[in-house]
Amino acid sequence: MTGERDLRVLLHGMRPELRPGRYVYATLPAGELPPGVTPVVTVSEREGTTLVVPEAQAVAAGLPYGFVAGWITLRVHSALDAVGLTAAVSLALTDAGISCNVVAGYHHDHLFVPHARATEAVRVLEALAAESG
């Protein structure tokens, strides 16, 4: 399945969706996932495995964590080799003073922003989409 590559189409059609809940970043030694923890993102690094998990799961498992985030999914199907979407989204959020961690899935891009500013981040992205039409 091929995703969209045209930046104007991507921006106009991104339809940001704030997923419910609070998500946190945690790190563990490789291969040591506690029971009851279902990561939404996993990244293997030399120093250990980074997990993004629902905050309630981290608390229940006793995982130390940092960065409490809101999870925004850009619902446009972007091609993995599309140019400019991450840059445009990052710039718009930068201009609003909102930090952003981007994860590219096969079908969609996912943004993890400070939970306290997640609704504001969605408004910023909706404005960017409207300007791009």
N, C-alpha and C. Protein backbone atom coordinates (compact mmCIF):
# COMPACT_ATOMS: atom_id res chain seq x y z
N MET A 1 0.84 -1.17 0.00
CA MET A 1 0.00 0.00 0.00
C MET A 1 0.89 1.24 0.00
N THR A 2 0.62 2.15 -0.90
CA THR A 2 1.43 3.35 -1.04
C THR A 2 0.75 4.52 -0.35
N GLY A 3 1.54 5.27 0.41
CA GLY A 3 1.02 6.44 1.08
C GLY A 3 1.18 7.68 0.21
N GLU A 4 0.62 8.78 0.71
CA GLU A 4 0.66 10.07 0.01
C GLU A 4 2.06 10.69 0.15
N ARG A 5 2.52 11.33 -0.94
CA ARG A 5 3.83 11.99 -0.94
C ARG A 5 3.72 13.51 -1.10
N ASP A 6 2.63 13.99 -1.66
CA ASP A 6 2.49 15.42 -1.92
C ASP A 6 2.30 16.17 -0.60
N LEU A 7 3.22 17.09 -0.30
CA LEU A 7 3.21 17.76 1.00
C LEU A 7 1.92 18.55 1.23
N ARG A 8 1.43 19.25 0.22
CA ARG A 8 0.20 20.03 0.39
C ARG A 8 -0.98 19.11 0.73
N VAL A 9 -1.07 17.99 0.05
CA VAL A 9 -2.14 17.02 0.32
C VAL A 9 -1.99 16.44 1.72
N LEU A 10 -0.75 16.12 2.10
CA LEU A 10 -0.50 15.58 3.44
C LEU A 10 -0.92 16.56 4.52
N LEU A 11 -0.51 17.81 4.37
CA LEU A 11 -0.82 18.81 5.39
C LEU A 11 -2.32 19.08 5.46
N HIS A 12 -2.93 19.25 4.33
CA HIS A 12 -4.36 19.57 4.31
C HIS A 12 -5.20 18.41 4.86
N GLY A 13 -4.74 17.19 4.62
CA GLY A 13 -5.53 16.02 5.01
C GLY A 13 -5.06 15.33 6.28
N MET A 14 -4.21 15.96 7.07
CA MET A 14 -3.62 15.23 8.21
C MET A 14 -4.61 14.87 9.31
N ARG A 15 -5.69 15.60 9.50
CA ARG A 15 -6.74 15.28 10.47
C ARG A 15 -6.18 14.77 11.80
N PRO A 16 -5.50 15.63 12.55
CA PRO A 16 -4.90 15.19 13.82
C PRO A 16 -5.95 14.70 14.81
N GLU A 17 -5.68 13.58 15.41
CA GLU A 17 -6.59 12.98 16.38
C GLU A 17 -5.87 12.78 17.70
N LEU A 18 -6.37 13.39 18.76
CA LEU A 18 -5.80 13.20 20.09
C LEU A 18 -6.38 11.91 20.68
N ARG A 19 -5.50 10.97 20.93
CA ARG A 19 -5.93 9.70 21.50
C ARG A 19 -6.15 9.90 23.00
N PRO A 20 -7.09 9.20 23.59
CA PRO A 20 -7.33 9.39 25.03
C PRO A 20 -6.18 8.83 25.87
N GLY A 21 -5.98 9.43 27.01
CA GLY A 21 -5.01 8.89 27.96
C GLY A 21 -3.72 9.68 28.06
N ARG A 22 -2.91 9.22 28.98
CA ARG A 22 -1.60 9.80 29.24
C ARG A 22 -0.57 8.71 28.95
N TYR A 23 0.47 9.07 28.23
CA TYR A 23 1.50 8.12 27.81
C TYR A 23 2.84 8.61 28.34
N VAL A 24 3.70 7.66 28.73
CA VAL A 24 4.98 8.02 29.32
C VAL A 24 6.11 7.25 28.64
N TYR A 25 7.30 7.84 28.72
CA TYR A 25 8.51 7.21 28.22
C TYR A 25 9.22 6.52 29.39
N ALA A 26 9.60 5.27 29.17
CA ALA A 26 10.37 4.51 30.16
C ALA A 26 11.48 3.77 29.42
N THR A 27 12.47 3.33 30.16
CA THR A 27 13.54 2.55 29.54
C THR A 27 13.86 1.36 30.43
N LEU A 28 14.16 0.25 29.78
CA LEU A 28 14.47 -1.00 30.46
C LEU A 28 15.65 -1.67 29.78
N PRO A 29 16.35 -2.55 30.51
CA PRO A 29 17.35 -3.37 29.82
C PRO A 29 16.65 -4.20 28.73
N ALA A 30 17.34 -4.51 27.67
CA ALA A 30 16.75 -5.26 26.55
C ALA A 30 16.12 -6.56 27.03
N GLY A 31 14.91 -6.83 26.52
CA GLY A 31 14.25 -8.10 26.76
C GLY A 31 13.58 -8.27 28.10
N GLU A 32 13.40 -7.21 28.87
CA GLU A 32 12.81 -7.35 30.20
C GLU A 32 11.49 -6.61 30.32
N LEU A 33 10.52 -6.95 29.50
CA LEU A 33 9.20 -6.31 29.55
C LEU A 33 8.39 -6.88 30.70
N PRO A 34 7.98 -6.03 31.67
CA PRO A 34 7.20 -6.52 32.80
C PRO A 34 5.81 -7.00 32.36
N PRO A 35 5.24 -7.95 33.10
CA PRO A 35 3.88 -8.39 32.79
C PRO A 35 2.89 -7.23 32.92
N GLY A 36 1.89 -7.21 32.04
CA GLY A 36 0.86 -6.18 32.09
C GLY A 36 1.23 -4.89 31.40
N VAL A 37 2.41 -4.84 30.81
CA VAL A 37 2.85 -3.62 30.11
C VAL A 37 2.78 -3.89 28.61
N THR A 38 1.97 -3.09 27.92
CA THR A 38 1.81 -3.22 26.47
C THR A 38 2.24 -1.91 25.83
N PRO A 39 3.48 -1.83 25.35
CA PRO A 39 3.96 -0.58 24.77
C PRO A 39 3.23 -0.21 23.49
N VAL A 40 3.06 1.10 23.27
CA VAL A 40 2.52 1.57 22.00
C VAL A 40 3.67 1.90 21.05
N VAL A 41 4.86 2.09 21.60
CA VAL A 41 6.08 2.29 20.83
C VAL A 41 7.21 1.56 21.56
N THR A 42 8.07 0.91 20.80
CA THR A 42 9.26 0.27 21.34
C THR A 42 10.44 0.63 20.44
N VAL A 43 11.53 1.09 21.04
CA VAL A 43 12.73 1.40 20.29
C VAL A 43 13.91 0.72 20.99
N SER A 44 14.63 -0.10 20.25
CA SER A 44 15.80 -0.78 20.80
C SER A 44 17.02 0.09 20.60
N GLU A 45 17.71 0.39 21.70
CA GLU A 45 18.93 1.19 21.66
C GLU A 45 20.03 0.43 22.40
N ARG A 46 21.26 0.80 22.19
CA ARG A 46 22.37 0.14 22.88
C ARG A 46 22.21 0.20 24.39
N GLU A 47 21.69 1.32 24.87
CA GLU A 47 21.58 1.54 26.31
C GLU A 47 20.40 0.80 26.95
N GLY A 48 19.49 0.32 26.12
CA GLY A 48 18.31 -0.37 26.62
C GLY A 48 17.15 -0.20 25.66
N THR A 49 15.99 -0.61 26.09
CA THR A 49 14.79 -0.51 25.26
C THR A 49 13.93 0.63 25.76
N THR A 50 13.63 1.57 24.86
CA THR A 50 12.73 2.66 25.19
C THR A 50 11.31 2.20 24.92
N LEU A 51 10.42 2.47 25.87
CA LEU A 51 9.02 2.12 25.75
C LEU A 51 8.18 3.38 25.90
N VAL A 52 7.13 3.48 25.11
CA VAL A 52 6.08 4.46 25.36
C VAL A 52 4.87 3.63 25.75
N VAL A 53 4.39 3.86 26.97
CA VAL A 53 3.31 3.05 27.51
C VAL A 53 2.26 3.94 28.17
N PRO A 54 1.04 3.45 28.28
CA PRO A 54 0.05 4.19 29.07
C PRO A 54 0.58 4.39 30.49
N GLU A 55 0.39 5.58 31.02
CA GLU A 55 0.92 5.90 32.34
C GLU A 55 0.43 4.92 33.40
N ALA A 56 -0.83 4.54 33.35
CA ALA A 56 -1.38 3.62 34.35
C ALA A 56 -0.63 2.30 34.36
N GLN A 57 -0.22 1.82 33.20
CA GLN A 57 0.54 0.57 33.14
C GLN A 57 1.92 0.73 33.76
N ALA A 58 2.56 1.87 33.50
CA ALA A 58 3.89 2.13 34.08
C ALA A 58 3.79 2.18 35.60
N VAL A 59 2.78 2.85 36.10
CA VAL A 59 2.59 2.96 37.56
C VAL A 59 2.35 1.57 38.15
N ALA A 60 1.44 0.80 37.54
CA ALA A 60 1.10 -0.53 38.06
C ALA A 60 2.31 -1.47 38.06
N ALA A 61 3.20 -1.31 37.07
CA ALA A 61 4.38 -2.17 36.97
C ALA A 61 5.57 -1.64 37.77
N GLY A 62 5.41 -0.45 38.35
CA GLY A 62 6.50 0.15 39.11
C GLY A 62 7.64 0.63 38.23
N LEU A 63 7.34 0.96 36.99
CA LEU A 63 8.37 1.46 36.07
C LEU A 63 8.65 2.94 36.32
N PRO A 64 9.91 3.30 36.49
CA PRO A 64 10.21 4.73 36.53
C PRO A 64 10.03 5.30 35.13
N TYR A 65 9.53 6.50 35.04
CA TYR A 65 9.28 7.09 33.73
C TYR A 65 9.47 8.59 33.77
N GLY A 66 9.49 9.15 32.57
CA GLY A 66 9.58 10.60 32.40
C GLY A 66 8.71 11.01 31.24
N PHE A 67 8.53 12.27 31.06
CA PHE A 67 7.79 12.87 29.97
C PHE A 67 6.39 12.29 29.83
N VAL A 68 5.44 12.92 30.48
CA VAL A 68 4.03 12.53 30.35
C VAL A 68 3.49 13.20 29.10
N ALA A 69 3.00 12.40 28.18
CA ALA A 69 2.64 12.90 26.85
C ALA A 69 1.18 12.63 26.49
N GLY A 70 0.71 13.46 25.58
CA GLY A 70 -0.51 13.19 24.85
C GLY A 70 -0.10 12.59 23.51
N TRP A 71 -0.91 11.69 22.98
CA TRP A 71 -0.60 10.99 21.73
C TRP A 71 -1.54 11.50 20.65
N ILE A 72 -0.95 12.11 19.62
CA ILE A 72 -1.71 12.62 18.48
C ILE A 72 -1.35 11.78 17.26
N THR A 73 -2.36 11.28 16.58
CA THR A 73 -2.15 10.55 15.33
C THR A 73 -2.57 11.44 14.17
N LEU A 74 -1.68 11.57 13.18
CA LEU A 74 -2.03 12.26 11.94
C LEU A 74 -2.68 11.21 11.05
N ARG A 75 -3.95 11.37 10.79
CA ARG A 75 -4.72 10.30 10.14
C ARG A 75 -4.55 10.22 8.63
N VAL A 76 -3.74 11.08 8.04
CA VAL A 76 -3.44 10.94 6.63
C VAL A 76 -2.43 9.80 6.48
N HIS A 77 -2.58 9.00 5.42
CA HIS A 77 -1.64 7.90 5.17
C HIS A 77 -0.44 8.47 4.42
N SER A 78 0.61 8.74 5.16
CA SER A 78 1.81 9.33 4.57
C SER A 78 2.77 8.24 4.13
N ALA A 79 3.39 8.45 2.97
CA ALA A 79 4.43 7.53 2.51
C ALA A 79 5.65 7.69 3.41
N LEU A 80 6.33 6.60 3.65
CA LEU A 80 7.51 6.66 4.51
C LEU A 80 8.63 7.50 3.90
N ASP A 81 8.60 7.68 2.58
CA ASP A 81 9.62 8.50 1.93
C ASP A 81 9.11 9.89 1.54
N ALA A 82 7.96 10.27 2.08
CA ALA A 82 7.43 11.62 1.84
C ALA A 82 8.37 12.65 2.46
N VAL A 83 8.50 13.79 1.81
CA VAL A 83 9.42 14.82 2.26
C VAL A 83 8.65 16.03 2.80
N GLY A 84 8.95 16.43 4.02
CA GLY A 84 8.47 17.71 4.53
C GLY A 84 7.39 17.67 5.59
N LEU A 85 6.67 16.58 5.73
CA LEU A 85 5.57 16.55 6.70
C LEU A 85 6.09 16.75 8.12
N THR A 86 7.08 15.97 8.50
CA THR A 86 7.62 16.09 9.86
C THR A 86 8.17 17.49 10.09
N ALA A 87 8.87 18.04 9.10
CA ALA A 87 9.44 19.38 9.24
C ALA A 87 8.35 20.43 9.41
N ALA A 88 7.29 20.36 8.61
CA ALA A 88 6.22 21.35 8.68
C ALA A 88 5.47 21.27 10.01
N VAL A 89 5.19 20.06 10.45
CA VAL A 89 4.50 19.86 11.72
C VAL A 89 5.38 20.34 12.88
N SER A 90 6.64 19.97 12.83
CA SER A 90 7.58 20.39 13.88
C SER A 90 7.72 21.90 13.94
N LEU A 91 7.78 22.55 12.79
CA LEU A 91 7.90 24.00 12.75
C LEU A 91 6.67 24.67 13.35
N ALA A 92 5.50 24.20 12.98
CA ALA A 92 4.26 24.78 13.53
C ALA A 92 4.21 24.62 15.05
N LEU A 93 4.59 23.46 15.54
CA LEU A 93 4.59 23.24 16.98
C LEU A 93 5.71 24.02 17.66
N THR A 94 6.85 24.15 17.00
CA THR A 94 7.96 24.96 17.53
C THR A 94 7.52 26.40 17.68
N ASP A 95 6.86 26.93 16.67
CA ASP A 95 6.38 28.32 16.72
C ASP A 95 5.41 28.54 17.89
N ALA A 96 4.70 27.47 18.30
CA ALA A 96 3.78 27.56 19.43
C ALA A 96 4.48 27.21 20.76
N GLY A 97 5.77 26.87 20.69
CA GLY A 97 6.51 26.53 21.90
C GLY A 97 6.15 25.17 22.47
N ILE A 98 5.74 24.24 21.60
CA ILE A 98 5.33 22.90 22.04
C ILE A 98 6.35 21.88 21.55
N SER A 99 6.93 21.13 22.49
CA SER A 99 7.87 20.08 22.08
C SER A 99 7.11 18.91 21.47
N CYS A 100 7.82 18.12 20.66
CA CYS A 100 7.16 17.04 19.95
C CYS A 100 8.15 15.93 19.66
N ASN A 101 7.75 14.71 19.95
CA ASN A 101 8.51 13.52 19.58
C ASN A 101 7.69 12.78 18.54
N VAL A 102 8.27 12.55 17.37
CA VAL A 102 7.56 11.97 16.23
C VAL A 102 7.96 10.51 16.06
N VAL A 103 6.98 9.66 15.83
CA VAL A 103 7.20 8.26 15.51
C VAL A 103 6.44 7.97 14.22
N ALA A 104 7.14 7.44 13.24
CA ALA A 104 6.49 7.10 11.98
C ALA A 104 6.08 5.64 12.01
N GLY A 105 4.78 5.41 11.83
CA GLY A 105 4.28 4.07 11.63
C GLY A 105 4.16 3.82 10.13
N TYR A 106 3.82 2.61 9.75
CA TYR A 106 3.69 2.29 8.32
C TYR A 106 2.61 3.14 7.65
N HIS A 107 1.51 3.38 8.35
CA HIS A 107 0.38 4.10 7.77
C HIS A 107 0.28 5.55 8.20
N HIS A 108 0.71 5.86 9.42
CA HIS A 108 0.49 7.20 9.96
C HIS A 108 1.69 7.67 10.77
N ASP A 109 1.76 8.98 10.96
CA ASP A 109 2.75 9.56 11.87
C ASP A 109 2.06 9.80 13.21
N HIS A 110 2.82 9.62 14.27
CA HIS A 110 2.31 9.75 15.62
C HIS A 110 3.18 10.76 16.36
N LEU A 111 2.53 11.67 17.06
CA LEU A 111 3.23 12.73 17.77
C LEU A 111 2.99 12.58 19.26
N PHE A 112 4.04 12.68 20.03
CA PHE A 112 3.93 12.67 21.49
C PHE A 112 4.36 14.04 21.98
N VAL A 113 3.40 14.76 22.51
CA VAL A 113 3.58 16.15 22.94
C VAL A 113 3.29 16.23 24.44
N PRO A 114 3.75 17.29 25.12
CA PRO A 114 3.43 17.39 26.55
C PRO A 114 1.93 17.27 26.78
N HIS A 115 1.54 16.38 27.69
CA HIS A 115 0.13 16.11 27.91
C HIS A 115 -0.67 17.37 28.20
N ALA A 116 -0.11 18.25 28.99
CA ALA A 116 -0.82 19.48 29.37
C ALA A 116 -1.09 20.40 28.18
N ARG A 117 -0.39 20.19 27.07
CA ARG A 117 -0.57 21.06 25.90
C ARG A 117 -1.09 20.30 24.68
N ALA A 118 -1.54 19.08 24.88
CA ALA A 118 -1.95 18.25 23.75
C ALA A 118 -3.14 18.82 22.99
N THR A 119 -4.14 19.34 23.68
CA THR A 119 -5.30 19.92 23.01
C THR A 119 -4.88 21.15 22.21
N GLU A 120 -4.00 21.96 22.77
CA GLU A 120 -3.48 23.12 22.05
C GLU A 120 -2.70 22.68 20.82
N ALA A 121 -1.92 21.61 20.93
CA ALA A 121 -1.15 21.11 19.79
C ALA A 121 -2.09 20.69 18.66
N VAL A 122 -3.19 20.04 18.99
CA VAL A 122 -4.16 19.65 17.96
C VAL A 122 -4.70 20.90 17.26
N ARG A 123 -5.01 21.94 18.01
CA ARG A 123 -5.51 23.19 17.40
C ARG A 123 -4.46 23.79 16.45
N VAL A 124 -3.20 23.77 16.87
CA VAL A 124 -2.12 24.27 16.01
C VAL A 124 -2.07 23.48 14.70
N LEU A 125 -2.17 22.17 14.80
CA LEU A 125 -2.11 21.32 13.62
C LEU A 125 -3.34 21.48 12.73
N GLU A 126 -4.51 21.67 13.35
CA GLU A 126 -5.72 21.92 12.56
C GLU A 126 -5.60 23.24 11.80
N ALA A 127 -5.00 24.25 12.43
CA ALA A 127 -4.79 25.53 11.75
C ALA A 127 -3.82 25.37 10.59
N LEU A 128 -2.75 24.59 10.79
CA LEU A 128 -1.80 24.32 9.71
C LEU A 128 -2.49 23.61 8.55
N ALA A 129 -3.34 22.66 8.85
CA ALA A 129 -4.08 21.94 7.80
C ALA A 129 -4.99 22.90 7.03
N ALA A 130 -5.67 23.77 7.74
CA ALA A 130 -6.58 24.74 7.09
C ALA A 130 -5.80 25.69 6.19
N GLU A 131 -4.64 26.13 6.65
CA GLU A 131 -3.80 27.05 5.84
C GLU A 131 -3.27 26.36 4.59
N SER A 132 -3.16 25.05 4.62
CA SER A 132 -2.54 24.30 3.52
C SER A 132 -3.53 23.93 2.43
N GLY A 133 -4.82 24.20 2.66
CA GLY A 133 -5.84 23.82 1.69
C GLY A 133 -5.94 24.85 0.64
